[in-house]
C-alpha atoms as a PDB file:
ATOM      1  CA  MET A   1       3.480   1.733   1.937  1.00  0.00           C
ATOM      2  CA  LEU A   2       6.283   3.188  -0.175  1.00  0.00           C
ATOM      3  CA  GLN A   3       3.939   4.081  -3.021  1.00  0.00           C
ATOM      4  CA  VAL A   4       1.406   5.693  -0.690  1.00  0.00           C
ATOM      5  CA  LEU A   5       4.271   7.574   0.966  1.00  0.00           C
ATOM      6  CA  LYS A   6       4.924   9.492  -2.247  1.00  0.00           C
ATOM      7  CA  ALA A   7       1.329  10.710  -2.320  1.00  0.00           C
ATOM      8  CA  GLN A   8       1.372  11.737   1.358  1.00  0.00           C
ATOM      9  CA  GLN A   9       4.650  13.629   1.596  1.00  0.00           C
ATOM     10  CA  ASP A  10       3.345  16.871   0.110  1.00  0.00           C
ATOM     11  CA  GLN A  11       0.455  17.065   2.575  1.00  0.00           C
ATOM     12  CA  ILE A  12       1.857  16.003   5.955  1.00  0.00           C
ATOM     13  CA  THR A  13       5.191  15.556   7.669  1.00  0.00           C
ATOM     14  CA  VAL A  14       6.124  11.894   7.269  1.00  0.00           C
ATOM     15  CA  ILE A  15       8.789  10.116   9.306  1.00  0.00           C
ATOM     16  CA  VAL A  16       9.528   6.432   8.718  1.00  0.00           C
ATOM     17  CA  LEU A  17      10.801   4.197  11.489  1.00  0.00           C
ATOM     18  CA  GLY A  18      13.556   2.212   9.761  1.00  0.00           C
ATOM     19  CA  GLN A  19      15.414   2.673   6.498  1.00  0.00           C
ATOM     20  CA  HIS A  20      14.820  -0.501   4.466  1.00  0.00           C
ATOM     21  CA  HIS A  21      14.056   0.255   0.782  1.00  0.00           C
ATOM     22  CA  LEU A  22      13.341   3.923   1.471  1.00  0.00           C
ATOM     23  CA  PRO A  23      13.814   6.319  -1.449  1.00  0.00           C
ATOM     24  CA  LYS A  24      16.122   9.288  -1.036  1.00  0.00           C
ATOM     25  CA  GLY A  25      14.701  12.357   0.638  1.00  0.00           C
ATOM     26  CA  VAL A  26      12.486  10.505   3.132  1.00  0.00           C
ATOM     27  CA  THR A  27      13.133  11.306   6.777  1.00  0.00           C
ATOM     28  CA  SER A  28      13.806   8.155   8.756  1.00  0.00           C
ATOM     29  CA  TYR A  29      14.807   7.320  12.325  1.00  0.00           C
ATOM     30  CA  ARG A  30      15.888   4.296  14.276  1.00  0.00           C
ATOM     31  CA  LEU A  31      13.855   3.611  17.396  1.00  0.00           C
ATOM     32  CA  LEU A  32      16.062   5.182  20.096  1.00  0.00           C
ATOM     33  CA  PRO A  33      16.800   8.388  18.130  1.00  0.00           C
ATOM     34  CA  LEU A  34      13.078   8.701  17.425  1.00  0.00           C
ATOM     35  CA  ILE A  35      12.264   8.392  21.118  1.00  0.00           C
ATOM     36  CA  ARG A  36      14.750  11.165  21.851  1.00  0.00           C
ATOM     37  CA  ARG A  37      13.280  13.314  19.065  1.00  0.00           C
ATOM     38  CA  LEU A  38       9.735  12.920  20.359  1.00  0.00           C
ATOM     39  CA  ARG A  39      10.871  13.973  23.827  1.00  0.00           C
ATOM     40  CA  GLN A  40      12.277  17.314  22.643  1.00  0.00           C
ATOM     41  CA  PRO A  41      10.667  20.505  24.041  1.00  0.00           C
ATOM     42  CA  ASP A  42       9.364  21.562  20.604  1.00  0.00           C
ATOM     43  CA  MET A  43       7.201  18.414  20.481  1.00  0.00           C
ATOM     44  CA  MET A  44       5.240  19.340  23.606  1.00  0.00           C
ATOM     45  CA  GLY A  45       1.548  19.671  22.798  1.00  0.00           C
ATOM     46  CA  LYS A  46       1.864  18.152  19.335  1.00  0.00           C
ATOM     47  CA  THR A  47       0.062  15.047  18.135  1.00  0.00           C
ATOM     48  CA  VAL A  48       1.789  12.259  16.217  1.00  0.00           C
ATOM     49  CA  VAL A  49      -0.063   9.414  14.493  1.00  0.00           C
ATOM     50  CA  PHE A  50       1.999   6.201  14.423  1.00  0.00           C
ATOM     51  CA  HIS A  51       0.783   3.802  11.720  1.00  0.00           C
ATOM     52  CA  ALA A  52       1.678   0.160  12.416  1.00  0.00           C
ATOM     53  CA  ARG A  53       1.188  -2.772  10.087  1.00  0.00           C
ATOM     54  CA  ARG A  54       2.890  -5.605  11.985  1.00  0.00           C
ATOM     55  CA  ASN A  55       3.117  -6.844  15.576  1.00  0.00           C
ATOM     56  CA  LEU A  56       6.612  -5.416  16.038  1.00  0.00           C
ATOM     57  CA  GLU A  57       5.396  -2.025  14.888  1.00  0.00           C
ATOM     58  CA  MET A  58       2.488  -2.121  17.342  1.00  0.00           C
ATOM     59  CA  VAL A  59       5.003  -2.801  20.120  1.00  0.00           C
ATOM     60  CA  GLN A  60       7.114   0.131  18.916  1.00  0.00           C
ATOM     61  CA  GLY A  61       4.064   2.403  18.807  1.00  0.00           C
ATOM     62  CA  ILE A  62       3.036   1.469  22.343  1.00  0.00           C
ATOM     63  CA  LEU A  63       6.604   2.096  23.536  1.00  0.00           C
ATOM     64  CA  LEU A  64       6.740   5.493  21.831  1.00  0.00           C
ATOM     65  CA  ARG A  65       3.395   6.455  23.335  1.00  0.00           C
ATOM     66  CA  SER A  66       4.610   5.669  26.850  1.00  0.00           C
ATOM     67  CA  LEU A  67       7.988   7.411  26.523  1.00  0.00           C
ATOM     68  CA  SER A  68       7.209  10.520  24.465  1.00  0.00           C
ATOM     69  CA  THR A  69       6.282  13.936  25.803  1.00  0.00           C
ATOM     70  CA  CYS A  70       3.970  14.573  22.839  1.00  0.00           C
ATOM     71  CA  ARG A  71       0.639  12.860  22.285  1.00  0.00           C
ATOM     72  CA  ILE A  72       0.940   9.617  20.287  1.00  0.00           C
ATOM     73  CA  LYS A  73      -2.012   7.958  18.579  1.00  0.00           C
ATOM     74  CA  VAL A  74      -1.280   4.410  17.408  1.00  0.00           C
ATOM     75  CA  LEU A  75      -3.136   3.048  14.395  1.00  0.00           C
ATOM     76  CA  PHE A  76      -2.955  -0.550  13.180  1.00  0.00           C
ATOM     77  CA  THR A  77      -3.924  -1.924   9.765  1.00  0.00           C
ATOM     78  CA  SER A  78      -5.156  -5.509  10.015  1.00  0.00           C
ATOM     79  CA  THR A  79      -4.910  -7.418   6.717  1.00  0.00           C
ATOM     80  CA  ALA A  80      -4.669 -11.025   7.911  1.00  0.00           C
ATOM     81  CA  GLN A  81      -7.472 -13.298   6.751  1.00  0.00           C
ATOM     82  CA  ARG A  82      -7.204 -15.618   9.720  1.00  0.00           C
ATOM     83  CA  HIS A  83      -7.838 -15.413  13.431  1.00  0.00           C
ATOM     84  CA  HIS A  84      -5.157 -13.401  15.194  1.00  0.00           C
ATOM     85  CA  THR A  85      -2.931 -14.927  17.839  1.00  0.00           C
ATOM     86  CA  ARG A  86      -3.504 -14.113  21.493  1.00  0.00           C
ATOM     87  CA  PHE A  87      -0.447 -11.836  21.472  1.00  0.00           C
ATOM     88  CA  THR A  88      -1.696  -9.913  18.434  1.00  0.00           C
ATOM     89  CA  ARG A  89      -5.116  -9.469  20.050  1.00  0.00           C
ATOM     90  CA  PHE A  90      -3.377  -8.238  23.208  1.00  0.00           C
ATOM     91  CA  LEU A  91      -1.562  -5.580  21.180  1.00  0.00           C
ATOM     92  CA  MET A  92      -4.646  -4.626  19.179  1.00  0.00           C
ATOM     93  CA  ARG A  93      -6.589  -3.871  22.361  1.00  0.00           C
ATOM     94  CA  ARG A  94      -4.004  -1.181  23.066  1.00  0.00           C
ATOM     95  CA  MET A  95      -4.426   0.564  19.724  1.00  0.00           C
ATOM     96  CA  ASP A  96      -6.185   3.896  19.372  1.00  0.00           C
ATOM     97  CA  SER A  97      -7.688   2.800  16.061  1.00  0.00           C
ATOM     98  CA  ILE A  98      -7.829  -0.263  13.835  1.00  0.00           C
ATOM     99  CA  ILE A  99      -8.541  -0.220  10.121  1.00  0.00           C
ATOM    100  CA  SER A 100      -8.576  -2.956   7.504  1.00  0.00           C
ATOM    101  CA  THR A 101      -8.184  -3.230   3.755  1.00  0.00           C
ATOM    102  CA  CYS A 102     -11.094  -5.469   2.759  1.00  0.00           C
ATOM    103  CA  SER A 103     -14.232  -7.166   4.037  1.00  0.00           C
ATOM    104  CA  ALA A 104     -12.604 -10.589   4.300  1.00  0.00           C
ATOM    105  CA  ALA A 105      -9.847  -9.338   6.604  1.00  0.00           C
ATOM    106  CA  ALA A 106     -12.335  -7.304   8.642  1.00  0.00           C
ATOM    107  CA  SER A 107     -14.503 -10.391   9.203  1.00  0.00           C
ATOM    108  CA  PHE A 108     -11.776 -11.913  11.400  1.00  0.00           C
ATOM    109  CA  LEU A 109     -11.807  -8.999  13.849  1.00  0.00           C
ATOM    110  CA  ALA A 110     -13.770  -9.355  17.077  1.00  0.00           C
ATOM    111  CA  ILE A 111     -14.663  -5.657  16.875  1.00  0.00           C
ATOM    112  CA  PRO A 112     -15.385  -4.125  13.440  1.00  0.00           C
ATOM    113  CA  PRO A 113     -12.570  -1.862  12.172  1.00  0.00           C
ATOM    114  CA  ASP A 114     -13.047   1.880  12.281  1.00  0.00           C
ATOM    115  CA  GLN A 115     -12.704   2.009   8.503  1.00  0.00           C
ATOM    116  CA  LEU A 116     -12.067  -0.115   5.432  1.00  0.00           C
ATOM    117  CA  ILE A 117      -9.376   1.552   3.343  1.00  0.00           C
ATOM    118  CA  PRO A 118      -8.430  -0.585   0.327  1.00  0.00           C
ATOM    119  CA  HIS A 119      -5.065  -0.442  -1.360  1.00  0.00           C
ATOM    120  CA  GLY A 120      -4.665   1.383  -4.641  1.00  0.00           C
ATOM    121  CA  ILE A 121      -2.361   1.363  -7.647  1.00  0.00           C
ATOM    122  CA  ASP A 122      -0.976   3.953 -10.064  1.00  0.00           C
ATOM    123  CA  PRO A 123      -3.286   4.052 -13.128  1.00  0.00           C
ATOM    124  CA  GLU A 124      -0.699   6.066 -15.044  1.00  0.00           C
ATOM    125  CA  ARG A 125       1.691   3.155 -14.720  1.00  0.00           C
ATOM    126  CA  TYR A 126      -0.746   0.385 -15.610  1.00  0.00           C
ATOM    127  CA  THR A 127      -2.568   1.503 -18.759  1.00  0.00           C
ATOM    128  CA  PRO A 128      -4.424  -0.224 -21.624  1.00  0.00           C
ATOM    129  CA  ASP A 129      -1.702   0.759 -24.112  1.00  0.00           C
ATOM    130  CA  THR A 130      -1.021  -2.407 -26.143  1.00  0.00           C
ATOM    131  CA  LYS A 131       1.400  -0.935 -28.693  1.00  0.00           C
ATOM    132  CA  ARG A 132       4.468  -1.087 -26.477  1.00  0.00           C
ATOM    133  CA  ARG A 133       7.312  -3.453 -27.208  1.00  0.00           C
ATOM    134  CA  VAL A 134       7.475  -6.322 -24.693  1.00  0.00           C
ATOM    135  CA  PRO A 135      10.973  -7.848 -24.746  1.00  0.00           C
ATOM    136  CA  ALA A 136       9.967 -10.680 -22.375  1.00  0.00           C
ATOM    137  CA  LEU A 137       7.585 -12.000 -25.033  1.00  0.00           C
ATOM    138  CA  GLU A 138      10.010 -11.833 -27.930  1.00  0.00           C
ATOM    139  CA  GLY A 139      11.772 -14.910 -29.213  1.00  0.00           C
ATOM    140  CA  ILE A 140       8.893 -17.204 -28.234  1.00  0.00           C
ATOM    141  CA  LYS A 141       6.257 -18.333 -30.680  1.00  0.00           C
ATOM    142  CA  PHE A 142       3.114 -16.983 -29.112  1.00  0.00           C
ATOM    143  CA  ALA A 143      -0.503 -17.328 -30.065  1.00  0.00           C
ATOM    144  CA  SER A 144      -2.431 -14.177 -30.846  1.00  0.00           C
ATOM    145  CA  LYS A 145      -4.406 -14.130 -27.590  1.00  0.00           C
ATOM    146  CA  HIS A 146      -2.996 -14.600 -24.108  1.00  0.00           C
ATOM    147  CA  ILE A 147      -4.365 -15.661 -20.723  1.00  0.00           C
ATOM    148  CA  GLY A 148      -2.017 -14.238 -18.100  1.00  0.00           C
ATOM    149  CA  LEU A 149      -1.388 -15.124 -14.469  1.00  0.00           C
ATOM    150  CA  PHE A 150       0.952 -13.001 -12.350  1.00  0.00           C
ATOM    151  CA  GLY A 151       2.590 -13.889  -9.060  1.00  0.00           C
ATOM    152  CA  ARG A 152       5.099 -16.256  -7.576  1.00  0.00           C
ATOM    153  CA  VAL A 153       4.591 -19.703  -9.103  1.00  0.00           C
ATOM    154  CA  ARG A 154       3.410 -21.965  -6.298  1.00  0.00           C
ATOM    155  CA  HIS A 155       0.404 -23.973  -5.182  1.00  0.00           C
ATOM    156  CA  GLN A 156      -1.111 -21.117  -3.197  1.00  0.00           C
ATOM    157  CA  LYS A 157      -1.444 -18.942  -6.326  1.00  0.00           C
ATOM    158  CA  GLY A 158      -3.650 -21.479  -8.108  1.00  0.00           C
ATOM    159  CA  VAL A 159      -1.464 -21.915 -11.209  1.00  0.00           C
ATOM    160  CA  ASP A 160      -2.475 -25.571 -11.298  1.00  0.00           C
ATOM    161  CA  ILE A 161      -6.163 -24.646 -11.213  1.00  0.00           C
ATOM    162  CA  LEU A 162      -5.741 -22.411 -14.250  1.00  0.00           C
ATOM    163  CA  LEU A 163      -3.835 -24.970 -16.277  1.00  0.00           C
ATOM    164  CA  ARG A 164      -6.226 -27.828 -15.515  1.00  0.00           C
ATOM    165  CA  ALA A 165      -9.159 -25.553 -16.338  1.00  0.00           C
ATOM    166  CA  VAL A 166      -7.845 -24.280 -19.664  1.00  0.00           C
ATOM    167  CA  ILE A 167      -6.204 -27.406 -21.132  1.00  0.00           C
ATOM    168  CA  PRO A 168      -9.442 -28.428 -22.939  1.00  0.00           C
ATOM    169  CA  LEU A 169      -9.899 -24.836 -24.095  1.00  0.00           C
ATOM    170  CA  LEU A 170      -6.368 -24.655 -25.483  1.00  0.00           C
ATOM    171  CA  GLN A 171      -6.858 -27.974 -27.280  1.00  0.00           C
ATOM    172  CA  ALA A 172      -9.799 -26.448 -29.100  1.00  0.00           C
ATOM    173  CA  ASN A 173      -8.230 -23.004 -29.668  1.00  0.00           C
ATOM    174  CA  ASP A 174      -4.658 -22.990 -30.940  1.00  0.00           C
ATOM    175  CA  ASP A 175      -4.700 -19.196 -31.270  1.00  0.00           C
ATOM    176  CA  TRP A 176      -4.734 -18.891 -27.440  1.00  0.00           C
ATOM    177  CA  ASP A 177      -1.952 -19.529 -24.928  1.00  0.00           C
ATOM    178  CA  VAL A 178      -1.179 -19.102 -21.227  1.00  0.00           C
ATOM    179  CA  VAL A 179       1.529 -16.741 -19.968  1.00  0.00           C
ATOM    180  CA  ILE A 180       2.661 -17.174 -16.353  1.00  0.00           C
ATOM    181  CA  VAL A 181       4.811 -14.403 -14.912  1.00  0.00           C
ATOM    182  CA  GLY A 182       6.461 -14.874 -11.538  1.00  0.00           C
ATOM    183  CA  GLN A 183       9.393 -16.196  -9.592  1.00  0.00           C
ATOM    184  CA  ILE A 184       9.896 -19.950  -9.465  1.00  0.00           C
ATOM    185  CA  LYS A 185      11.849 -20.896  -6.340  1.00  0.00           C
ATOM    186  CA  ASP A 186      13.845 -24.106  -6.123  1.00  0.00           C
ATOM    187  CA  GLY A 187      11.227 -25.719  -3.925  1.00  0.00           C
ATOM    188  CA  ASP A 188       8.556 -25.121  -6.580  1.00  0.00           C
ATOM    189  CA  GLN A 189      10.467 -26.544  -9.558  1.00  0.00           C
ATOM    190  CA  LYS A 190       8.868 -29.980  -9.088  1.00  0.00           C
ATOM    191  CA  PHE A 191       5.434 -28.339  -9.043  1.00  0.00           C
ATOM    192  CA  VAL A 192       6.170 -26.649 -12.384  1.00  0.00           C
ATOM    193  CA  ARG A 193       7.519 -29.863 -13.927  1.00  0.00           C
ATOM    194  CA  GLN A 194       4.327 -31.660 -12.952  1.00  0.00           C
ATOM    195  CA  LEU A 195       2.227 -28.946 -14.564  1.00  0.00           C
ATOM    196  CA  MET A 196       4.217 -29.079 -17.772  1.00  0.00           C
ATOM    197  CA  GLN A 197       3.940 -32.874 -17.818  1.00  0.00           C
ATOM    198  CA  GLN A 198       0.156 -32.516 -17.738  1.00  0.00           C
ATOM    199  CA  ALA A 199       0.324 -29.990 -20.571  1.00  0.00           C
ATOM    200  CA  THR A 200       2.601 -32.265 -22.599  1.00  0.00           C
ATOM    201  CA  GLU A 201       0.311 -35.246 -22.166  1.00  0.00           C
ATOM    202  CA  ALA A 202      -2.609 -33.076 -23.320  1.00  0.00           C
ATOM    203  CA  GLY A 203      -0.651 -31.853 -26.345  1.00  0.00           C
ATOM    204  CA  VAL A 204      -0.699 -28.162 -25.366  1.00  0.00           C
ATOM    205  CA  SER A 205       2.795 -27.673 -23.916  1.00  0.00           C
ATOM    206  CA  LYS A 206       3.700 -25.224 -26.703  1.00  0.00           C
ATOM    207  CA  GLN A 207       0.819 -23.029 -25.543  1.00  0.00           C
ATOM    208  CA  ILE A 208       2.091 -22.764 -21.947  1.00  0.00           C
ATOM    209  CA  HIS A 209       4.846 -20.244 -21.191  1.00  0.00           C
ATOM    210  CA  PHE A 210       6.551 -19.710 -17.824  1.00  0.00           C
ATOM    211  CA  LEU A 211       8.438 -16.414 -18.080  1.00  0.00           C
ATOM    212  CA  GLY A 212       9.871 -16.477 -14.565  1.00  0.00           C
ATOM    213  CA  GLU A 213      10.379 -13.381 -12.476  1.00  0.00           C
ATOM    214  CA  GLN A 214      10.392 -10.209 -14.564  1.00  0.00           C
ATOM    215  CA  PRO A 215      11.805  -6.745 -13.730  1.00  0.00           C
ATOM    216  CA  PHE A 216       9.312  -4.503 -11.965  1.00  0.00           C
ATOM    217  CA  ASP A 217       9.475  -1.954 -14.787  1.00  0.00           C
ATOM    218  CA  THR A 218       8.328  -4.488 -17.388  1.00  0.00           C
ATOM    219  CA  LEU A 219       5.162  -5.588 -15.574  1.00  0.00           C
ATOM    220  CA  PRO A 220       2.877  -2.839 -16.946  1.00  0.00           C
ATOM    221  CA  ASP A 221       3.797  -3.840 -20.511  1.00  0.00           C
ATOM    222  CA  LEU A 222       3.149  -7.494 -19.758  1.00  0.00           C
ATOM    223  CA  PHE A 223      -0.279  -6.747 -18.295  1.00  0.00           C
ATOM    224  CA  ALA A 224      -1.107  -4.611 -21.325  1.00  0.00           C
ATOM    225  CA  ALA A 225      -0.119  -7.450 -23.670  1.00  0.00           C
ATOM    226  CA  MET A 226      -2.568  -9.930 -22.111  1.00  0.00           C
ATOM    227  CA  THR A 227      -6.084 -10.618 -23.417  1.00  0.00           C
ATOM    228  CA  ILE A 228      -7.474 -12.052 -20.172  1.00  0.00           C
ATOM    229  CA  VAL A 229      -5.882 -12.099 -16.721  1.00  0.00           C
ATOM    230  CA  ALA A 230      -6.587 -14.839 -14.185  1.00  0.00           C
ATOM    231  CA  ALA A 231      -6.002 -14.531 -10.426  1.00  0.00           C
ATOM    232  CA  LEU A 232      -6.871 -17.814  -8.736  1.00  0.00           C
ATOM    233  CA  SER A 233      -5.165 -17.722  -5.335  1.00  0.00           C
ATOM    234  CA  ARG A 234      -6.388 -20.133  -2.712  1.00  0.00           C
ATOM    235  CA  ASN A 235      -5.731 -17.422  -0.116  1.00  0.00           C
ATOM    236  CA  GLU A 236      -4.563 -13.850  -0.511  1.00  0.00           C
ATOM    237  CA  GLY A 237      -3.850 -10.932   1.805  1.00  0.00           C
ATOM    238  CA  PHE A 238      -5.209  -8.327  -0.592  1.00  0.00           C
ATOM    239  CA  GLY A 239      -4.135  -9.082  -4.165  1.00  0.00           C
ATOM    240  CA  LEU A 240      -2.880  -6.072  -6.110  1.00  0.00           C
ATOM    241  CA  THR A 241      -2.496  -8.035  -9.357  1.00  0.00           C
ATOM    242  CA  VAL A 242      -6.236  -7.811  -9.964  1.00  0.00           C
ATOM    243  CA  LEU A 243      -6.140  -4.015  -9.705  1.00  0.00           C
ATOM    244  CA  GLU A 244      -3.081  -3.864 -11.948  1.00  0.00           C
ATOM    245  CA  ALA A 245      -4.827  -5.979 -14.582  1.00  0.00           C
ATOM    246  CA  MET A 246      -8.026  -3.948 -14.315  1.00  0.00           C
ATOM    247  CA  SER A 247      -6.079  -0.696 -14.636  1.00  0.00           C
ATOM    248  CA  ALA A 248      -4.569  -2.119 -17.832  1.00  0.00           C
ATOM    249  CA  GLY A 249      -8.117  -2.566 -19.131  1.00  0.00           C
ATOM    250  CA  LYS A 250      -8.141  -6.358 -18.909  1.00  0.00           C
ATOM    251  CA  PRO A 251     -11.128  -8.561 -18.031  1.00  0.00           C
ATOM    252  CA  VAL A 252     -10.229 -10.570 -14.939  1.00  0.00           C
ATOM    253  CA  VAL A 253     -11.260 -14.018 -13.758  1.00  0.00           C
ATOM    254  CA  ALA A 254     -10.557 -14.088 -10.015  1.00  0.00           C
ATOM    255  CA  SER A 255     -11.191 -16.451  -7.141  1.00  0.00           C
ATOM    256  CA  ARG A 256     -13.127 -15.250  -4.122  1.00  0.00           C
ATOM    257  CA  ALA A 257      -9.927 -14.631  -2.161  1.00  0.00           C
ATOM    258  CA  GLY A 258      -8.374 -11.526  -0.663  1.00  0.00           C
ATOM    259  CA  ALA A 259     -10.065  -8.267  -1.525  1.00  0.00           C
ATOM    260  CA  TRP A 260     -11.262  -9.499  -4.907  1.00  0.00           C
ATOM    261  CA  PRO A 261     -14.931 -10.005  -3.940  1.00  0.00           C
ATOM    262  CA  ASP A 262     -14.947  -6.355  -2.809  1.00  0.00           C
ATOM    263  CA  ILE A 263     -13.297  -5.119  -6.003  1.00  0.00           C
ATOM    264  CA  ILE A 264     -14.966  -7.154  -8.742  1.00  0.00           C
ATOM    265  CA  GLU A 265     -18.589  -6.611  -9.645  1.00  0.00           C
ATOM    266  CA  PRO A 266     -19.479  -9.877 -11.401  1.00  0.00           C
ATOM    267  CA  ASP A 267     -20.530  -9.541 -15.046  1.00  0.00           C
ATOM    268  CA  VAL A 268     -19.638  -5.838 -14.976  1.00  0.00           C
ATOM    269  CA  ASN A 269     -15.888  -5.426 -14.481  1.00  0.00           C
ATOM    270  CA  GLY A 270     -14.817  -9.061 -14.154  1.00  0.00           C
ATOM    271  CA  LEU A 271     -15.839 -12.567 -13.158  1.00  0.00           C
ATOM    272  CA  LEU A 272     -15.562 -14.306  -9.778  1.00  0.00           C
ATOM    273  CA  VAL A 273     -15.154 -18.050  -9.323  1.00  0.00           C
ATOM    274  CA  GLY A 274     -15.002 -20.311  -6.320  1.00  0.00           C
ATOM    275  CA  ILE A 275     -11.672 -20.941  -4.653  1.00  0.00           C
ATOM    276  CA  ASP A 276     -10.049 -24.119  -6.012  1.00  0.00           C
ATOM    277  CA  ASN A 277     -12.950 -24.551  -8.448  1.00  0.00           C
ATOM    278  CA  GLU A 278     -11.678 -25.866 -11.777  1.00  0.00           C
ATOM    279  CA  LEU A 279     -15.105 -26.142 -13.442  1.00  0.00           C
ATOM    280  CA  GLU A 280     -16.176 -22.595 -12.613  1.00  0.00           C
ATOM    281  CA  THR A 281     -12.803 -21.314 -13.767  1.00  0.00           C
ATOM    282  CA  ARG A 282     -13.083 -23.138 -17.087  1.00  0.00           C
ATOM    283  CA  ALA A 283     -16.584 -21.791 -17.680  1.00  0.00           C
ATOM    284  CA  ALA A 284     -15.560 -18.210 -16.879  1.00  0.00           C
ATOM    285  CA  VAL A 285     -12.438 -18.271 -19.055  1.00  0.00           C
ATOM    286  CA  ALA A 286     -14.355 -19.923 -21.908  1.00  0.00           C
ATOM    287  CA  ARG A 287     -17.011 -17.253 -21.741  1.00  0.00           C
ATOM    288  CA  LEU A 288     -14.438 -14.494 -22.156  1.00  0.00           C
ATOM    289  CA  MET A 289     -12.509 -16.374 -24.848  1.00  0.00           C
ATOM    290  CA  GLN A 290     -15.669 -16.682 -26.929  1.00  0.00           C
ATOM    291  CA  ASP A 291     -16.869 -13.078 -26.653  1.00  0.00           C
ATOM    292  CA  SER A 292     -14.538 -10.246 -27.699  1.00  0.00           C
ATOM    293  CA  ASP A 293     -17.262  -7.638 -27.123  1.00  0.00           C
ATOM    294  CA  LEU A 294     -17.681  -8.817 -23.535  1.00  0.00           C
ATOM    295  CA  ARG A 295     -13.918  -8.660 -23.013  1.00  0.00           C
ATOM    296  CA  ALA A 296     -13.825  -5.081 -24.259  1.00  0.00           C
ATOM    297  CA  LYS A 297     -16.843  -4.031 -22.181  1.00  0.00           C
ATOM    298  CA  MET A 298     -15.490  -5.590 -18.983  1.00  0.00           C
ATOM    299  CA  GLY A 299     -12.018  -4.190 -19.611  1.00  0.00           C
ATOM    300  CA  GLU A 300     -13.371  -0.658 -19.921  1.00  0.00           C
ATOM    301  CA  ALA A 301     -15.479  -1.042 -16.784  1.00  0.00           C
ATOM    302  CA  ALA A 302     -12.479  -2.482 -14.938  1.00  0.00           C
ATOM    303  CA  ARG A 303     -10.293   0.500 -15.830  1.00  0.00           C
ATOM    304  CA  GLN A 304     -13.033   2.899 -14.734  1.00  0.00           C
ATOM    305  CA  ALA A 305     -13.451   1.110 -11.393  1.00  0.00           C
ATOM    306  CA  VAL A 306      -9.753   1.592 -10.662  1.00  0.00           C
ATOM    307  CA  LEU A 307      -9.844   5.265 -11.645  1.00  0.00           C
ATOM    308  CA  THR A 308     -12.889   5.837  -9.461  1.00  0.00           C
ATOM    309  CA  ARG A 309     -11.997   3.889  -6.311  1.00  0.00           C
ATOM    310  CA  TYR A 310      -8.615   2.172  -6.315  1.00  0.00           C
ATOM    311  CA  THR A 311      -5.819   4.625  -7.028  1.00  0.00           C
ATOM    312  CA  ILE A 312      -2.798   5.326  -4.851  1.00  0.00           C
ATOM    313  CA  THR A 313      -4.057   8.903  -4.535  1.00  0.00           C
ATOM    314  CA  ALA A 314      -7.425   7.705  -3.230  1.00  0.00           C
ATOM    315  CA  GLU A 315      -5.773   5.386  -0.709  1.00  0.00           C
ATOM    316  CA  ALA A 316      -3.451   8.152   0.495  1.00  0.00           C
ATOM    317  CA  SER A 317      -6.337  10.624   0.817  1.00  0.00           C
ATOM    318  CA  ARG A 318      -8.434   8.198   2.864  1.00  0.00           C
ATOM    319  CA  LEU A 319      -5.505   7.462   5.148  1.00  0.00           C
ATOM    320  CA  LEU A 320      -4.747  11.158   5.625  1.00  0.00           C
ATOM    321  CA  ALA A 321      -8.386  11.863   6.479  1.00  0.00           C
ATOM    322  CA  HIS A 322      -8.313   9.073   9.053  1.00  0.00           C
ATOM    323  CA  TYR A 323      -5.021  10.324  10.527  1.00  0.00           C
ATOM    324  CA  ARG A 324      -6.537  13.789  10.978  1.00  0.00           C
ATOM    325  CA  GLN A 325      -9.716  12.407  12.514  1.00  0.00           C
ATOM    326  CA  LEU A 326      -7.703  10.270  14.893  1.00  0.00           C
ATOM    327  CA  ALA A 327      -5.411  13.154  15.826  1.00  0.00           C
ATOM    328  CA  SER A 328      -8.372  15.384  16.620  1.00  0.00           C
ATOM    329  CA  LYS A 329      -9.805  13.003  19.224  1.00  0.00           C
ATOM    330  CA  ALA A 330      -9.111  13.823  22.843  1.00  0.00           C
END
């Protein structure tokens, strides 16, 4: 939301309900002051689109609509890939419009969403430039080619699937390693120890590197330094890491979770594998490891797909068009 906000501010008047993490210069209100503002005489006859993304925000939008003197249109983005609770469905029936971010999330809605508007990323931030210095990789003896996985280290992200799949490949290719970037919480330390024990027993522990959580500003350089990126979540709301990797020109092996089946065109800009499928994952990674021309071709197609369909600017433009369409309805 914060990244899209930057692309919207120059085109419409944006007010954010709440102040958490907001950059300077963004107009924000708490709920009661916003109610008072929307009841001012100068708001008579105007239309305001209230974009909600959570249950609490739907409640706030409904409240604003009932108490304001201007016309309020409440829009909700549904991203959950599960059946909504009765309370959520109750709130959704009171929305003026519902959109979703991907086909998987839309499939859980009783009524199809008005639009699918996928998230986007900044392609100027995530680029294929591989000449940048990457401090997080220094001081560790790395192989020349890297399989990366990004995201909090836990069972849900499929780190274990990747390691089990690639252990035989690493045994046969000592010029490859695995780089895992993401926070490891205390409750997941045992999970990581078990993974490293498997790697040790297989004789590939020196080819497995857990870098932990890295500063946000270093992530583009880390993506650019990878050779292949894997995204093997067992479930995912959307999954921006795939777009970030693709924008960096990397071939991606992704599970059929989140928005990834919408984003990846198999054999063109990446490879899709079954959720929790170790054998398919091994075959896909092996295929890319063995074919540098295929990696380059898929990486170029991946970057082009992001530039064409999945930028922050494109997401902001689609949202603005929907806001205007919604505001124009009687």
